[in-house]
Amino acid sequence: IEDCQTYYTLSGCQGNSSCTSQLLLTTSPSTFPVPSPISSTYSFNCPGYSTYSTNNAAVQYTTCQFYLCPSNTISISNCGGTNCYGYQALNLYAGSTLLNSTIGGCGYCAYMLYS
């Protein structure tokens, strides 16, 4: 698909704290062709993690890779998740370019919206 590219997240904890999480990624509209009337969104879980001292996801982080097109919006979240402990740091990259970074977003849990 033209102009689509690979993105990835680096997930970890704020500063030297400890944290546990599993992110849910939801793209809208779906990157993949979806027949009507099925939903045009696509969701998947990144690998779960439990770590500490990641310096805002700069070291000892967990990576989650996905494919995104220019027409897509992606929600990256653990808001309301059952596996969320400690302040989470989340960084979004395309190649070596940092696109967005957040700590928390909905209490301790990570949340980011990118389009």
N, C-alpha and C. Protein backbone atom coordinates (compact mmCIF):
# COMPACT_ATOMS: atom_id res chain seq x y z
N ILE A 1 0.87 -1.18 0.00
CA ILE A 1 0.00 0.00 0.00
C ILE A 1 0.90 1.23 0.00
N GLU A 2 0.64 2.12 -0.91
CA GLU A 2 1.51 3.28 -1.11
C GLU A 2 1.58 4.18 0.12
N ASP A 3 2.78 4.64 0.43
CA ASP A 3 3.07 5.57 1.53
C ASP A 3 2.85 5.00 2.93
N CYS A 4 2.49 3.75 3.04
CA CYS A 4 2.35 3.14 4.35
C CYS A 4 3.74 2.76 4.85
N GLN A 5 3.91 2.75 6.16
CA GLN A 5 5.23 2.42 6.70
C GLN A 5 5.12 1.71 8.04
N THR A 6 6.26 1.20 8.47
CA THR A 6 6.35 0.51 9.75
C THR A 6 6.61 1.51 10.86
N TYR A 7 5.87 1.38 11.93
CA TYR A 7 6.02 2.19 13.14
C TYR A 7 6.32 1.25 14.29
N TYR A 8 6.82 1.78 15.38
CA TYR A 8 6.99 0.95 16.56
C TYR A 8 6.93 1.79 17.82
N THR A 9 6.57 1.13 18.91
CA THR A 9 6.53 1.78 20.21
C THR A 9 7.66 1.23 21.06
N LEU A 10 8.17 2.08 21.94
CA LEU A 10 9.07 1.67 23.02
C LEU A 10 8.30 1.94 24.30
N SER A 11 8.04 0.91 25.07
CA SER A 11 7.25 1.03 26.29
C SER A 11 8.12 0.72 27.49
N GLY A 12 7.92 1.48 28.55
CA GLY A 12 8.65 1.26 29.78
C GLY A 12 8.02 2.04 30.91
N CYS A 13 8.83 2.42 31.89
CA CYS A 13 8.35 3.09 33.09
C CYS A 13 8.92 4.50 33.19
N GLN A 14 8.22 5.32 33.94
CA GLN A 14 8.71 6.67 34.21
C GLN A 14 9.96 6.58 35.08
N GLY A 15 11.03 7.23 34.64
CA GLY A 15 12.26 7.32 35.43
C GLY A 15 12.78 5.97 35.88
N ASN A 16 13.01 5.85 37.21
CA ASN A 16 13.56 4.62 37.78
C ASN A 16 12.50 3.77 38.48
N SER A 17 11.23 4.06 38.22
CA SER A 17 10.15 3.31 38.87
C SER A 17 9.95 1.95 38.21
N SER A 18 9.03 1.16 38.76
CA SER A 18 8.67 -0.13 38.17
C SER A 18 7.26 -0.03 37.60
N CYS A 19 6.98 -0.87 36.59
CA CYS A 19 5.65 -0.85 35.99
C CYS A 19 5.36 -2.16 35.28
N THR A 20 4.09 -2.39 35.03
CA THR A 20 3.59 -3.57 34.31
C THR A 20 2.49 -3.10 33.38
N SER A 21 2.47 -3.62 32.15
CA SER A 21 1.44 -3.20 31.21
C SER A 21 1.33 -4.15 30.04
N GLN A 22 0.24 -4.03 29.30
CA GLN A 22 0.08 -4.62 27.98
C GLN A 22 -0.78 -3.64 27.18
N LEU A 23 -0.21 -3.09 26.12
CA LEU A 23 -0.89 -2.08 25.32
C LEU A 23 -1.84 -2.69 24.31
N LEU A 24 -2.94 -1.99 24.05
CA LEU A 24 -3.88 -2.33 22.98
C LEU A 24 -3.75 -1.26 21.91
N LEU A 25 -3.49 -1.67 20.67
CA LEU A 25 -3.39 -0.74 19.55
C LEU A 25 -4.62 -0.92 18.67
N THR A 26 -5.25 0.19 18.31
CA THR A 26 -6.43 0.16 17.45
C THR A 26 -6.26 1.16 16.33
N THR A 27 -6.29 0.69 15.07
CA THR A 27 -6.20 1.59 13.92
C THR A 27 -7.59 1.83 13.36
N SER A 28 -7.79 3.02 12.83
CA SER A 28 -9.05 3.39 12.22
C SER A 28 -8.79 4.39 11.11
N PRO A 29 -9.24 4.23 9.90
CA PRO A 29 -9.83 2.98 9.41
C PRO A 29 -8.77 1.89 9.34
N SER A 30 -9.23 0.66 9.20
CA SER A 30 -8.33 -0.48 9.18
C SER A 30 -7.30 -0.35 8.08
N THR A 31 -6.07 -0.74 8.35
CA THR A 31 -5.02 -0.79 7.33
C THR A 31 -5.31 -1.91 6.35
N PHE A 32 -6.03 -2.91 6.78
CA PHE A 32 -6.31 -4.08 5.96
C PHE A 32 -7.70 -3.96 5.33
N PRO A 33 -7.88 -4.43 4.09
CA PRO A 33 -9.23 -4.38 3.48
C PRO A 33 -10.22 -5.18 4.31
N VAL A 34 -11.33 -4.55 4.63
CA VAL A 34 -12.35 -5.19 5.46
C VAL A 34 -13.69 -5.09 4.73
N PRO A 35 -14.37 -6.23 4.49
CA PRO A 35 -15.66 -6.17 3.80
C PRO A 35 -16.75 -5.54 4.67
N SER A 36 -17.66 -4.81 4.08
CA SER A 36 -18.80 -4.24 4.81
C SER A 36 -19.72 -5.38 5.21
N PRO A 37 -20.49 -5.29 6.26
CA PRO A 37 -20.56 -4.20 7.23
C PRO A 37 -19.64 -4.41 8.42
N ILE A 38 -18.60 -5.22 8.30
CA ILE A 38 -17.67 -5.45 9.40
C ILE A 38 -16.97 -4.14 9.75
N SER A 39 -16.64 -3.96 11.01
CA SER A 39 -15.99 -2.74 11.50
C SER A 39 -14.75 -2.41 10.70
N SER A 40 -14.51 -1.12 10.50
CA SER A 40 -13.33 -0.68 9.75
C SER A 40 -12.15 -0.44 10.68
N THR A 41 -12.22 -0.93 11.90
CA THR A 41 -11.09 -0.79 12.82
C THR A 41 -10.40 -2.14 12.97
N TYR A 42 -9.14 -2.08 13.36
CA TYR A 42 -8.35 -3.29 13.57
C TYR A 42 -7.61 -3.11 14.88
N SER A 43 -7.72 -4.07 15.79
CA SER A 43 -7.08 -3.98 17.10
C SER A 43 -6.19 -5.19 17.35
N PHE A 44 -5.11 -4.96 18.10
CA PHE A 44 -4.26 -6.05 18.52
C PHE A 44 -3.51 -5.64 19.78
N ASN A 45 -3.06 -6.63 20.53
CA ASN A 45 -2.30 -6.41 21.76
C ASN A 45 -0.81 -6.51 21.49
N CYS A 46 -0.07 -5.61 22.07
CA CYS A 46 1.39 -5.70 22.07
C CYS A 46 1.81 -6.68 23.15
N PRO A 47 3.06 -7.14 23.11
CA PRO A 47 3.52 -8.03 24.19
C PRO A 47 3.43 -7.33 25.55
N GLY A 48 3.01 -8.06 26.57
CA GLY A 48 2.97 -7.50 27.92
C GLY A 48 4.37 -7.39 28.49
N TYR A 49 4.53 -6.56 29.48
CA TYR A 49 5.84 -6.40 30.11
C TYR A 49 5.70 -6.04 31.58
N SER A 50 6.73 -6.36 32.32
CA SER A 50 6.90 -5.97 33.71
C SER A 50 8.37 -5.63 33.87
N THR A 51 8.68 -4.38 34.18
CA THR A 51 10.07 -3.93 34.18
C THR A 51 10.28 -2.82 35.19
N TYR A 52 11.48 -2.28 35.23
CA TYR A 52 11.80 -1.18 36.14
C TYR A 52 13.00 -0.42 35.60
N SER A 53 13.17 0.79 36.07
CA SER A 53 14.33 1.65 35.73
C SER A 53 14.57 1.75 34.23
N THR A 54 13.53 2.07 33.47
CA THR A 54 13.70 2.18 32.02
C THR A 54 14.02 3.60 31.57
N ASN A 55 14.07 4.55 32.52
CA ASN A 55 14.38 5.94 32.17
C ASN A 55 13.48 6.45 31.05
N ASN A 56 12.18 6.36 31.28
CA ASN A 56 11.16 6.80 30.31
C ASN A 56 11.26 6.04 28.99
N ALA A 57 11.43 4.73 29.07
CA ALA A 57 11.51 3.82 27.93
C ALA A 57 12.74 4.08 27.06
N ALA A 58 13.84 4.47 27.69
CA ALA A 58 15.11 4.67 26.97
C ALA A 58 16.00 3.43 27.04
N VAL A 59 15.84 2.63 28.09
CA VAL A 59 16.60 1.38 28.26
C VAL A 59 15.64 0.31 28.80
N GLN A 60 15.95 -0.96 28.62
CA GLN A 60 15.14 -2.07 29.12
C GLN A 60 13.67 -1.96 28.74
N TYR A 61 13.40 -1.41 27.57
CA TYR A 61 12.03 -1.19 27.09
C TYR A 61 11.50 -2.41 26.34
N THR A 62 10.18 -2.42 26.10
CA THR A 62 9.52 -3.42 25.28
C THR A 62 9.11 -2.77 23.98
N THR A 63 9.34 -3.47 22.87
CA THR A 63 9.04 -2.93 21.54
C THR A 63 7.80 -3.61 20.96
N CYS A 64 6.98 -2.81 20.27
CA CYS A 64 5.82 -3.32 19.56
C CYS A 64 5.82 -2.67 18.17
N GLN A 65 5.86 -3.50 17.13
CA GLN A 65 5.94 -2.99 15.76
C GLN A 65 4.60 -3.17 15.05
N PHE A 66 4.24 -2.20 14.19
CA PHE A 66 2.99 -2.27 13.43
C PHE A 66 3.12 -1.46 12.16
N TYR A 67 2.17 -1.64 11.26
CA TYR A 67 2.13 -1.02 9.94
C TYR A 67 1.00 0.00 9.93
N LEU A 68 1.27 1.21 9.42
CA LEU A 68 0.26 2.27 9.45
C LEU A 68 0.33 3.08 8.15
N CYS A 69 -0.82 3.46 7.65
CA CYS A 69 -0.92 4.26 6.42
C CYS A 69 -1.30 5.69 6.78
N PRO A 70 -1.01 6.66 5.88
CA PRO A 70 -1.29 8.08 6.17
C PRO A 70 -2.75 8.37 6.53
N SER A 71 -3.69 7.58 6.01
CA SER A 71 -5.10 7.83 6.30
C SER A 71 -5.55 7.25 7.63
N ASN A 72 -4.67 6.53 8.32
CA ASN A 72 -5.02 5.88 9.59
C ASN A 72 -4.81 6.79 10.79
N THR A 73 -5.60 6.57 11.80
CA THR A 73 -5.39 7.10 13.14
C THR A 73 -5.17 5.89 14.03
N ILE A 74 -4.23 5.99 14.96
CA ILE A 74 -3.99 4.87 15.86
C ILE A 74 -4.13 5.32 17.30
N SER A 75 -4.81 4.50 18.07
CA SER A 75 -4.94 4.68 19.52
C SER A 75 -4.06 3.62 20.17
N ILE A 76 -3.16 4.07 21.05
CA ILE A 76 -2.27 3.17 21.77
C ILE A 76 -2.60 3.36 23.25
N SER A 77 -3.10 2.30 23.89
CA SER A 77 -3.67 2.51 25.22
C SER A 77 -3.63 1.27 26.09
N ASN A 78 -3.60 1.50 27.39
CA ASN A 78 -3.89 0.47 28.38
C ASN A 78 -4.90 1.04 29.37
N CYS A 79 -5.60 2.08 28.98
CA CYS A 79 -6.60 2.71 29.84
C CYS A 79 -7.73 1.71 30.11
N GLY A 80 -8.02 1.51 31.37
CA GLY A 80 -9.07 0.57 31.74
C GLY A 80 -8.61 -0.87 31.68
N GLY A 81 -7.32 -1.09 31.37
CA GLY A 81 -6.79 -2.44 31.30
C GLY A 81 -6.62 -3.04 32.68
N THR A 82 -6.60 -4.35 32.74
CA THR A 82 -6.43 -5.02 34.02
C THR A 82 -4.96 -5.22 34.36
N ASN A 83 -4.08 -4.98 33.39
CA ASN A 83 -2.65 -5.20 33.59
C ASN A 83 -1.91 -3.87 33.51
N CYS A 84 -2.20 -2.98 34.43
CA CYS A 84 -1.59 -1.66 34.42
C CYS A 84 -1.17 -1.29 35.84
N TYR A 85 0.14 -1.21 36.03
CA TYR A 85 0.67 -0.85 37.34
C TYR A 85 1.87 0.07 37.15
N GLY A 86 1.92 1.14 37.89
CA GLY A 86 3.03 2.09 37.80
C GLY A 86 2.89 3.02 36.61
N TYR A 87 3.56 4.17 36.67
CA TYR A 87 3.50 5.13 35.57
C TYR A 87 4.23 4.60 34.34
N GLN A 88 3.50 4.50 33.23
CA GLN A 88 4.08 4.00 31.99
C GLN A 88 4.58 5.13 31.10
N ALA A 89 5.74 4.90 30.48
CA ALA A 89 6.30 5.80 29.48
C ALA A 89 6.12 5.14 28.12
N LEU A 90 5.73 5.93 27.13
CA LEU A 90 5.44 5.40 25.81
C LEU A 90 6.03 6.33 24.76
N ASN A 91 6.83 5.78 23.86
CA ASN A 91 7.43 6.54 22.76
C ASN A 91 7.02 5.91 21.44
N LEU A 92 6.63 6.73 20.46
CA LEU A 92 6.22 6.26 19.14
C LEU A 92 7.25 6.71 18.11
N TYR A 93 7.74 5.76 17.31
CA TYR A 93 8.76 6.02 16.30
C TYR A 93 8.32 5.56 14.92
N ALA A 94 8.82 6.26 13.90
CA ALA A 94 8.83 5.81 12.51
C ALA A 94 10.30 5.83 12.12
N GLY A 95 10.88 4.66 11.92
CA GLY A 95 12.32 4.59 11.70
C GLY A 95 13.04 5.08 12.95
N SER A 96 13.97 5.99 12.78
CA SER A 96 14.70 6.54 13.93
C SER A 96 14.11 7.87 14.40
N THR A 97 12.97 8.26 13.85
CA THR A 97 12.34 9.54 14.19
C THR A 97 11.31 9.37 15.30
N LEU A 98 11.51 10.06 16.42
CA LEU A 98 10.53 10.08 17.51
C LEU A 98 9.36 10.96 17.10
N LEU A 99 8.15 10.38 17.05
CA LEU A 99 6.96 11.11 16.62
C LEU A 99 6.14 11.65 17.78
N ASN A 100 6.12 10.90 18.88
CA ASN A 100 5.31 11.30 20.02
C ASN A 100 5.83 10.57 21.26
N SER A 101 5.65 11.20 22.41
CA SER A 101 6.11 10.63 23.66
C SER A 101 5.14 11.05 24.77
N THR A 102 4.85 10.13 25.68
CA THR A 102 3.95 10.46 26.78
C THR A 102 4.28 9.62 28.00
N ILE A 103 3.94 10.15 29.16
CA ILE A 103 4.00 9.40 30.41
C ILE A 103 2.59 9.40 30.98
N GLY A 104 2.07 8.23 31.23
CA GLY A 104 0.69 8.14 31.70
C GLY A 104 -0.26 8.46 30.57
N GLY A 105 -1.22 9.28 30.84
CA GLY A 105 -2.23 9.63 29.84
C GLY A 105 -3.63 9.41 30.38
N CYS A 106 -3.78 8.39 31.19
CA CYS A 106 -5.04 8.14 31.89
C CYS A 106 -4.68 7.53 33.24
N GLY A 107 -4.29 8.38 34.14
CA GLY A 107 -3.77 7.90 35.42
C GLY A 107 -2.37 7.37 35.19
N TYR A 108 -2.09 6.18 35.74
CA TYR A 108 -0.80 5.55 35.54
C TYR A 108 -0.64 4.98 34.13
N CYS A 109 -1.73 4.57 33.55
CA CYS A 109 -1.71 3.82 32.29
C CYS A 109 -1.35 4.69 31.10
N ALA A 110 -0.79 4.04 30.09
CA ALA A 110 -0.37 4.75 28.88
C ALA A 110 -1.55 5.03 27.96
N TYR A 111 -1.52 6.19 27.30
CA TYR A 111 -2.49 6.52 26.27
C TYR A 111 -1.87 7.50 25.27
N MET A 112 -2.06 7.20 24.00
CA MET A 112 -1.57 8.08 22.94
C MET A 112 -2.49 7.94 21.74
N LEU A 113 -2.78 9.04 21.08
CA LEU A 113 -3.54 9.04 19.84
C LEU A 113 -2.65 9.69 18.79
N TYR A 114 -2.50 9.03 17.63
CA TYR A 114 -1.62 9.57 16.59
C TYR A 114 -2.28 9.39 15.23
N SER A 115 -2.19 10.44 14.41
CA SER A 115 -2.70 10.32 13.03
C SER A 115 -1.80 11.07 12.07
